[in-house]
């Protein structure tokens, strides 16, 4: 599926680190920063999560929430969230359903082998469920700040 700016974001339901289900439709009326990351407790993913935590107050002040998605288990998410005191929800997409909906599973080179994995990607979804920004092949450094700034602009329009 090809996801584009201006289209309605595909709805989904996924469990968080505590097993509670979250659906995109639950967040109508809020901006949603939906970010996909490869794996809990890896250097890049840890840094990205910490940066989203750093900008969390700015995102909330702009009327947004942050949802992190990976294929890790709920137990892994619990440890990851606790370790870094993350103030936002982590969703477990163990069977890649939502990753496939948002087209973030890509072929990657891992130690010389081709593997399918999550391409670091972020989607900014507006209060009506429309995709307003898409970031693919995200470079971690500065990304959360860029998303927070984009959200501030969006929410003031």
N, C-alpha and C. Protein backbone atom coordinates (compact mmCIF):
# COMPACT_ATOMS: atom_id res chain seq x y z
N UNK A 1 0.85 -1.19 0.00
CA UNK A 1 0.00 0.00 0.00
C UNK A 1 0.89 1.25 0.00
N UNK A 2 0.53 2.19 -0.84
CA UNK A 2 1.31 3.42 -0.92
C UNK A 2 0.63 4.50 -0.08
N UNK A 3 1.30 4.96 0.96
CA UNK A 3 0.76 5.97 1.86
C UNK A 3 1.23 7.34 1.37
N UNK A 4 0.28 8.29 1.27
CA UNK A 4 0.65 9.62 0.80
C UNK A 4 0.07 10.70 1.71
N UNK A 5 0.72 11.85 1.68
CA UNK A 5 0.24 13.02 2.42
C UNK A 5 -1.13 13.40 1.87
N UNK A 6 -2.06 13.70 2.77
CA UNK A 6 -3.39 14.11 2.35
C UNK A 6 -4.43 12.99 2.40
N UNK A 7 -3.96 11.76 2.52
CA UNK A 7 -4.92 10.65 2.60
C UNK A 7 -5.29 10.37 4.05
N UNK A 8 -6.41 9.67 4.22
CA UNK A 8 -6.82 9.25 5.55
C UNK A 8 -5.85 8.18 6.03
N UNK A 9 -5.36 8.33 7.25
CA UNK A 9 -4.42 7.36 7.82
C UNK A 9 -5.15 6.04 8.06
N UNK A 10 -4.53 4.92 7.69
CA UNK A 10 -5.16 3.62 7.95
C UNK A 10 -5.37 3.41 9.45
N UNK A 11 -6.58 3.01 9.83
CA UNK A 11 -6.87 2.76 11.24
C UNK A 11 -6.25 1.42 11.64
N UNK A 12 -6.03 1.25 12.91
CA UNK A 12 -5.45 0.01 13.43
C UNK A 12 -5.78 -0.10 14.90
N UNK A 13 -5.59 -1.29 15.43
CA UNK A 13 -5.65 -1.54 16.88
C UNK A 13 -4.46 -2.39 17.25
N UNK A 14 -3.67 -1.90 18.21
CA UNK A 14 -2.50 -2.64 18.68
C UNK A 14 -2.44 -2.55 20.20
N UNK A 15 -1.85 -3.59 20.83
CA UNK A 15 -1.68 -3.54 22.28
C UNK A 15 -0.45 -2.71 22.66
N UNK A 16 -0.57 -1.99 23.79
CA UNK A 16 0.58 -1.26 24.31
C UNK A 16 1.40 -2.19 25.20
N UNK A 17 2.38 -1.61 25.89
CA UNK A 17 3.28 -2.41 26.73
C UNK A 17 2.54 -3.11 27.87
N UNK A 18 1.33 -2.63 28.21
CA UNK A 18 0.55 -3.26 29.28
C UNK A 18 -0.58 -4.15 28.77
N UNK A 19 -0.65 -4.31 27.45
CA UNK A 19 -1.69 -5.16 26.87
C UNK A 19 -2.98 -4.42 26.56
N UNK A 20 -3.03 -3.11 26.84
CA UNK A 20 -4.23 -2.32 26.54
C UNK A 20 -4.25 -2.00 25.04
N UNK A 21 -5.42 -2.19 24.40
CA UNK A 21 -5.53 -1.91 22.97
C UNK A 21 -5.67 -0.42 22.70
N UNK A 22 -4.97 0.04 21.67
CA UNK A 22 -5.05 1.43 21.21
C UNK A 22 -5.42 1.39 19.74
N UNK A 23 -6.43 2.17 19.37
CA UNK A 23 -6.82 2.31 17.97
C UNK A 23 -6.57 3.75 17.56
N UNK A 24 -6.22 3.94 16.30
CA UNK A 24 -5.99 5.30 15.82
C UNK A 24 -7.24 6.15 16.03
N UNK A 25 -8.41 5.57 15.81
CA UNK A 25 -9.66 6.33 15.95
C UNK A 25 -9.88 6.85 17.38
N UNK A 26 -9.21 6.23 18.37
CA UNK A 26 -9.31 6.70 19.75
C UNK A 26 -8.75 8.12 19.91
N UNK A 27 -7.93 8.53 18.95
CA UNK A 27 -7.21 9.80 19.07
C UNK A 27 -7.74 10.89 18.15
N UNK A 28 -8.95 10.69 17.61
CA UNK A 28 -9.58 11.76 16.81
C UNK A 28 -9.61 13.02 17.66
N UNK A 29 -9.31 14.16 17.04
CA UNK A 29 -9.28 15.41 17.79
C UNK A 29 -7.90 15.76 18.32
N UNK A 30 -6.96 14.82 18.19
CA UNK A 30 -5.56 15.08 18.58
C UNK A 30 -4.67 14.87 17.35
N UNK A 31 -3.50 15.48 17.39
CA UNK A 31 -2.48 15.18 16.40
C UNK A 31 -1.75 13.94 16.89
N UNK A 32 -1.47 13.02 15.98
CA UNK A 32 -0.77 11.79 16.35
C UNK A 32 0.58 11.75 15.64
N UNK A 33 1.63 11.61 16.43
CA UNK A 33 2.96 11.36 15.88
C UNK A 33 3.16 9.85 15.99
N UNK A 34 3.04 9.17 14.87
CA UNK A 34 3.14 7.72 14.81
C UNK A 34 4.52 7.38 14.25
N UNK A 35 5.39 6.90 15.14
CA UNK A 35 6.74 6.61 14.63
C UNK A 35 7.05 5.12 14.74
N UNK A 36 7.61 4.60 13.66
CA UNK A 36 7.99 3.19 13.56
C UNK A 36 9.50 3.09 13.72
N UNK A 37 9.93 2.16 14.54
CA UNK A 37 11.36 1.99 14.77
C UNK A 37 11.69 0.49 14.78
N UNK A 38 12.94 0.15 14.41
CA UNK A 38 13.28 -1.27 14.25
C UNK A 38 13.24 -2.12 15.52
N UNK A 39 13.86 -1.66 16.62
CA UNK A 39 13.99 -2.58 17.74
C UNK A 39 14.28 -1.87 19.06
N UNK A 40 13.61 -2.32 20.13
CA UNK A 40 13.88 -1.79 21.47
C UNK A 40 15.34 -2.02 21.86
N UNK A 41 15.87 -1.08 22.63
CA UNK A 41 17.20 -1.22 23.23
C UNK A 41 18.36 -1.38 22.26
N UNK A 42 18.21 -0.83 21.06
CA UNK A 42 19.36 -0.75 20.15
C UNK A 42 19.80 0.72 20.18
N UNK A 43 21.05 1.00 19.86
CA UNK A 43 21.55 2.37 20.03
C UNK A 43 20.71 3.44 19.32
N UNK A 44 20.41 3.25 18.04
CA UNK A 44 19.65 4.25 17.30
C UNK A 44 18.22 4.40 17.81
N UNK A 45 17.59 3.29 18.12
CA UNK A 45 16.20 3.33 18.58
C UNK A 45 16.11 3.92 19.99
N UNK A 46 17.09 3.63 20.81
CA UNK A 46 17.12 4.20 22.16
C UNK A 46 17.28 5.71 22.07
N UNK A 47 18.18 6.16 21.20
CA UNK A 47 18.42 7.60 21.04
C UNK A 47 17.17 8.30 20.49
N UNK A 48 16.52 7.66 19.51
CA UNK A 48 15.31 8.25 18.93
C UNK A 48 14.21 8.37 20.00
N UNK A 49 14.02 7.32 20.79
CA UNK A 49 12.99 7.34 21.85
C UNK A 49 13.30 8.43 22.87
N UNK A 50 14.57 8.56 23.24
CA UNK A 50 14.96 9.60 24.20
C UNK A 50 14.70 11.00 23.64
N UNK A 51 14.92 11.17 22.35
CA UNK A 51 14.68 12.48 21.74
C UNK A 51 13.18 12.77 21.68
N UNK A 52 12.36 11.76 21.37
CA UNK A 52 10.91 11.98 21.41
C UNK A 52 10.47 12.30 22.85
N UNK A 53 11.11 11.67 23.82
CA UNK A 53 10.79 11.97 25.23
C UNK A 53 11.16 13.42 25.54
N UNK A 54 12.30 13.87 25.02
CA UNK A 54 12.77 15.23 25.25
C UNK A 54 11.79 16.27 24.69
N UNK A 55 11.17 15.96 23.54
CA UNK A 55 10.25 16.89 22.89
C UNK A 55 8.78 16.58 23.20
N UNK A 56 8.56 15.64 24.12
CA UNK A 56 7.20 15.20 24.43
C UNK A 56 6.31 16.36 24.89
N UNK A 57 6.81 17.20 25.79
CA UNK A 57 6.01 18.32 26.29
C UNK A 57 5.62 19.28 25.17
N UNK A 58 6.53 19.53 24.24
CA UNK A 58 6.26 20.42 23.10
C UNK A 58 5.17 19.82 22.23
N UNK A 59 5.25 18.51 22.00
CA UNK A 59 4.26 17.81 21.16
C UNK A 59 2.90 17.84 21.84
N UNK A 60 2.86 17.57 23.14
CA UNK A 60 1.60 17.59 23.89
C UNK A 60 1.01 19.01 23.90
N UNK A 61 1.87 20.02 24.07
CA UNK A 61 1.40 21.41 24.08
C UNK A 61 0.77 21.81 22.74
N UNK A 62 1.20 21.16 21.66
CA UNK A 62 0.64 21.43 20.33
C UNK A 62 -0.60 20.58 20.06
N UNK A 63 -1.06 19.85 21.08
CA UNK A 63 -2.26 19.03 20.91
C UNK A 63 -1.99 17.64 20.37
N UNK A 64 -0.75 17.18 20.53
CA UNK A 64 -0.38 15.89 19.97
C UNK A 64 -0.08 14.83 21.00
N UNK A 65 0.02 13.61 20.50
CA UNK A 65 0.48 12.48 21.30
C UNK A 65 1.51 11.73 20.46
N UNK A 66 2.36 10.98 21.14
CA UNK A 66 3.38 10.18 20.46
C UNK A 66 3.03 8.70 20.66
N UNK A 67 3.06 7.94 19.58
CA UNK A 67 2.90 6.49 19.63
C UNK A 67 4.09 5.88 18.91
N UNK A 68 4.89 5.07 19.62
CA UNK A 68 6.00 4.36 19.01
C UNK A 68 5.57 2.95 18.67
N UNK A 69 5.94 2.47 17.48
CA UNK A 69 5.55 1.13 17.03
C UNK A 69 6.77 0.34 16.59
N UNK A 70 6.90 -0.87 17.11
CA UNK A 70 7.88 -1.81 16.59
C UNK A 70 7.29 -3.21 16.67
N UNK A 71 8.05 -4.19 16.20
CA UNK A 71 7.56 -5.57 16.23
C UNK A 71 7.96 -6.28 17.52
N UNK A 72 8.54 -5.54 18.47
CA UNK A 72 8.94 -6.13 19.74
C UNK A 72 7.72 -6.53 20.57
N UNK A 73 7.95 -7.41 21.52
CA UNK A 73 6.87 -7.89 22.40
C UNK A 73 6.48 -6.82 23.42
N UNK A 74 5.33 -7.02 24.04
CA UNK A 74 4.89 -6.12 25.10
C UNK A 74 5.91 -6.10 26.24
N UNK A 75 6.44 -7.27 26.58
CA UNK A 75 7.42 -7.37 27.68
C UNK A 75 8.67 -6.54 27.35
N UNK A 76 9.12 -6.64 26.11
CA UNK A 76 10.29 -5.87 25.67
C UNK A 76 10.00 -4.38 25.76
N UNK A 77 8.80 -3.97 25.33
CA UNK A 77 8.39 -2.56 25.40
C UNK A 77 8.37 -2.07 26.85
N UNK A 78 7.88 -2.91 27.76
CA UNK A 78 7.82 -2.52 29.18
C UNK A 78 9.21 -2.21 29.69
N UNK A 79 10.17 -3.10 29.40
CA UNK A 79 11.56 -2.89 29.85
C UNK A 79 12.15 -1.62 29.23
N UNK A 80 11.92 -1.45 27.93
CA UNK A 80 12.46 -0.31 27.18
C UNK A 80 11.89 1.01 27.73
N UNK A 81 10.59 1.03 27.94
CA UNK A 81 9.92 2.23 28.44
C UNK A 81 10.41 2.58 29.85
N UNK A 82 10.57 1.56 30.69
CA UNK A 82 11.04 1.77 32.06
C UNK A 82 12.49 2.25 32.07
N UNK A 83 13.33 1.59 31.28
CA UNK A 83 14.76 1.92 31.25
C UNK A 83 15.01 3.39 30.91
N UNK A 84 14.22 3.92 29.96
CA UNK A 84 14.44 5.30 29.51
C UNK A 84 13.37 6.27 30.01
N UNK A 85 12.51 5.82 30.92
CA UNK A 85 11.43 6.67 31.47
C UNK A 85 10.65 7.37 30.36
N UNK A 86 10.22 6.60 29.37
CA UNK A 86 9.53 7.18 28.22
C UNK A 86 8.11 7.60 28.61
N UNK A 87 7.73 8.84 28.30
CA UNK A 87 6.42 9.35 28.72
C UNK A 87 5.31 9.07 27.71
N UNK A 88 5.58 8.24 26.72
CA UNK A 88 4.58 7.97 25.69
C UNK A 88 4.38 6.46 25.52
N UNK A 89 3.36 6.12 24.76
CA UNK A 89 2.94 4.73 24.57
C UNK A 89 3.75 4.04 23.49
N UNK A 90 4.12 2.79 23.77
CA UNK A 90 4.77 1.93 22.79
C UNK A 90 3.80 0.83 22.40
N UNK A 91 3.63 0.63 21.11
CA UNK A 91 2.69 -0.38 20.62
C UNK A 91 3.44 -1.55 20.01
N UNK A 92 2.92 -2.74 20.28
CA UNK A 92 3.54 -3.97 19.81
C UNK A 92 2.82 -4.48 18.56
N UNK A 93 3.55 -4.49 17.45
CA UNK A 93 3.01 -4.98 16.17
C UNK A 93 3.72 -6.28 15.81
N UNK A 94 3.55 -7.28 16.67
CA UNK A 94 4.30 -8.54 16.56
C UNK A 94 4.14 -9.22 15.20
N UNK A 95 2.97 -9.13 14.59
CA UNK A 95 2.77 -9.81 13.30
C UNK A 95 2.93 -8.87 12.10
N UNK A 96 3.42 -7.67 12.32
CA UNK A 96 3.71 -6.68 11.26
C UNK A 96 2.50 -6.14 10.52
N UNK A 97 1.29 -6.36 11.03
CA UNK A 97 0.09 -5.91 10.33
C UNK A 97 0.11 -4.40 10.07
N UNK A 98 0.37 -3.63 11.12
CA UNK A 98 0.35 -2.17 10.97
C UNK A 98 1.58 -1.69 10.20
N UNK A 99 2.71 -2.34 10.41
CA UNK A 99 3.92 -2.01 9.63
C UNK A 99 3.64 -2.17 8.14
N UNK A 100 2.90 -3.21 7.79
CA UNK A 100 2.55 -3.42 6.38
C UNK A 100 1.53 -2.39 5.90
N UNK A 101 0.57 -2.04 6.75
CA UNK A 101 -0.43 -1.01 6.39
C UNK A 101 0.26 0.30 6.04
N UNK A 102 1.30 0.65 6.79
CA UNK A 102 2.01 1.91 6.59
C UNK A 102 3.25 1.75 5.70
N UNK A 103 3.43 0.55 5.16
CA UNK A 103 4.50 0.28 4.19
C UNK A 103 5.89 0.65 4.73
N UNK A 104 6.19 0.19 5.95
CA UNK A 104 7.50 0.49 6.53
C UNK A 104 8.42 -0.73 6.58
N UNK A 105 7.95 -1.89 6.12
CA UNK A 105 8.82 -3.08 6.07
C UNK A 105 9.58 -3.03 4.75
N UNK A 106 10.89 -2.94 4.87
CA UNK A 106 11.76 -2.82 3.68
C UNK A 106 12.89 -3.83 3.77
N UNK A 107 13.45 -4.13 2.61
CA UNK A 107 14.63 -5.00 2.59
C UNK A 107 15.83 -4.19 3.02
N UNK A 108 16.60 -4.76 3.95
CA UNK A 108 17.79 -4.09 4.46
C UNK A 108 18.97 -5.05 4.38
N UNK A 109 20.16 -4.48 4.43
CA UNK A 109 21.38 -5.28 4.51
C UNK A 109 21.82 -5.37 5.95
N UNK A 110 21.88 -6.55 6.50
CA UNK A 110 22.31 -6.72 7.88
C UNK A 110 23.49 -7.69 7.88
N UNK A 111 24.67 -7.15 8.13
CA UNK A 111 25.89 -7.97 8.13
C UNK A 111 26.03 -8.76 6.83
N UNK A 112 25.73 -8.10 5.71
CA UNK A 112 25.91 -8.73 4.41
C UNK A 112 24.75 -9.61 3.97
N UNK A 113 23.74 -9.78 4.83
CA UNK A 113 22.56 -10.59 4.47
C UNK A 113 21.37 -9.66 4.23
N UNK A 114 20.53 -10.06 3.30
CA UNK A 114 19.30 -9.30 3.04
C UNK A 114 18.24 -9.76 4.04
N UNK A 115 17.67 -8.81 4.78
CA UNK A 115 16.61 -9.12 5.74
C UNK A 115 15.48 -8.10 5.57
N UNK A 116 14.29 -8.50 5.97
CA UNK A 116 13.17 -7.57 5.98
C UNK A 116 13.06 -6.96 7.37
N UNK A 117 13.02 -5.65 7.42
CA UNK A 117 12.94 -4.99 8.72
C UNK A 117 12.22 -3.66 8.60
N UNK A 118 11.99 -3.04 9.74
CA UNK A 118 11.29 -1.75 9.77
C UNK A 118 12.25 -0.65 9.34
N UNK A 119 11.82 0.11 8.34
CA UNK A 119 12.54 1.32 7.95
C UNK A 119 12.04 2.43 8.88
N UNK A 120 12.95 3.04 9.60
CA UNK A 120 12.60 4.11 10.55
C UNK A 120 11.76 5.16 9.82
N UNK A 121 10.51 5.33 10.26
CA UNK A 121 9.56 6.21 9.57
C UNK A 121 8.64 6.88 10.59
N UNK A 122 8.20 8.10 10.28
CA UNK A 122 7.28 8.83 11.15
C UNK A 122 6.16 9.43 10.31
N UNK A 123 4.95 9.32 10.84
CA UNK A 123 3.77 9.87 10.20
C UNK A 123 3.12 10.85 11.17
N UNK A 124 2.82 12.06 10.69
CA UNK A 124 2.11 13.03 11.50
C UNK A 124 0.68 13.06 10.97
N UNK A 125 -0.26 12.73 11.86
CA UNK A 125 -1.67 12.58 11.49
C UNK A 125 -2.46 13.68 12.20
N UNK A 126 -3.31 14.39 11.46
CA UNK A 126 -4.02 15.52 12.07
C UNK A 126 -5.25 15.07 12.85
N UNK A 127 -5.95 16.06 13.39
CA UNK A 127 -7.10 15.79 14.28
C UNK A 127 -8.23 15.05 13.59
N UNK A 128 -8.27 15.12 12.26
CA UNK A 128 -9.32 14.45 11.49
C UNK A 128 -8.86 13.11 10.91
N UNK A 129 -7.64 12.69 11.29
CA UNK A 129 -7.14 11.40 10.80
C UNK A 129 -6.48 11.46 9.43
N UNK A 130 -6.11 12.67 8.98
CA UNK A 130 -5.46 12.84 7.68
C UNK A 130 -3.94 12.93 7.87
N UNK A 131 -3.20 12.23 7.02
CA UNK A 131 -1.73 12.28 7.10
C UNK A 131 -1.25 13.63 6.58
N UNK A 132 -0.51 14.35 7.44
CA UNK A 132 -0.01 15.69 7.09
C UNK A 132 1.48 15.71 6.78
N UNK A 133 2.24 14.79 7.36
CA UNK A 133 3.68 14.72 7.11
C UNK A 133 4.11 13.27 7.13
N UNK A 134 5.06 12.95 6.26
CA UNK A 134 5.65 11.61 6.23
C UNK A 134 7.16 11.77 6.19
N UNK A 135 7.81 11.08 7.11
CA UNK A 135 9.28 11.06 7.13
C UNK A 135 9.71 9.61 6.94
N UNK A 136 10.46 9.34 5.90
CA UNK A 136 10.96 7.99 5.63
C UNK A 136 12.48 7.99 5.76
N UNK A 137 13.06 6.82 5.97
CA UNK A 137 14.52 6.69 6.09
C UNK A 137 15.05 7.73 7.07
N UNK A 138 14.40 7.82 8.21
CA UNK A 138 14.70 8.84 9.21
C UNK A 138 16.13 8.69 9.74
N UNK A 139 16.81 9.82 9.79
CA UNK A 139 18.08 9.91 10.50
C UNK A 139 17.73 10.40 11.90
N UNK A 140 18.18 9.70 12.93
CA UNK A 140 17.73 9.96 14.30
C UNK A 140 18.06 11.38 14.77
N UNK A 141 19.28 11.81 14.54
CA UNK A 141 19.72 13.10 15.09
C UNK A 141 18.85 14.25 14.60
N UNK A 142 18.19 14.92 15.54
CA UNK A 142 17.39 16.09 15.22
C UNK A 142 15.97 15.80 14.73
N UNK A 143 15.65 14.53 14.51
CA UNK A 143 14.34 14.19 13.93
C UNK A 143 13.17 14.57 14.84
N UNK A 144 13.24 14.21 16.11
CA UNK A 144 12.12 14.50 17.03
C UNK A 144 11.87 16.00 17.12
N UNK A 145 12.93 16.79 17.12
CA UNK A 145 12.80 18.24 17.15
C UNK A 145 12.14 18.77 15.89
N UNK A 146 12.50 18.19 14.76
CA UNK A 146 11.91 18.57 13.47
C UNK A 146 10.41 18.27 13.47
N UNK A 147 10.04 17.10 13.99
CA UNK A 147 8.63 16.70 14.06
C UNK A 147 7.87 17.63 15.00
N UNK A 148 8.46 17.96 16.14
CA UNK A 148 7.82 18.86 17.11
C UNK A 148 7.57 20.23 16.49
N UNK A 149 8.55 20.75 15.75
CA UNK A 149 8.41 22.05 15.09
C UNK A 149 7.30 22.00 14.04
N UNK A 150 7.28 20.94 13.25
CA UNK A 150 6.26 20.75 12.22
C UNK A 150 4.86 20.72 12.85
N UNK A 151 4.76 20.05 13.98
CA UNK A 151 3.48 19.94 14.69
C UNK A 151 3.03 21.29 15.25
N UNK A 152 3.99 22.06 15.76
CA UNK A 152 3.66 23.41 16.27
C UNK A 152 3.07 24.26 15.15
N UNK A 153 3.69 24.18 13.96
CA UNK A 153 3.19 24.95 12.81
C UNK A 153 1.80 24.47 12.42
N UNK A 154 1.64 23.17 12.31
CA UNK A 154 0.35 22.58 11.93
C UNK A 154 -0.76 23.02 12.88
N UNK A 155 -0.48 22.94 14.17
CA UNK A 155 -1.52 23.22 15.17
C UNK A 155 -1.85 24.70 15.26
N UNK A 156 -0.97 25.57 14.75
CA UNK A 156 -1.26 27.00 14.81
C UNK A 156 -1.95 27.49 13.54
N UNK A 157 -2.01 26.64 12.51
CA UNK A 157 -2.70 27.01 11.25
C UNK A 157 -4.20 27.09 11.44
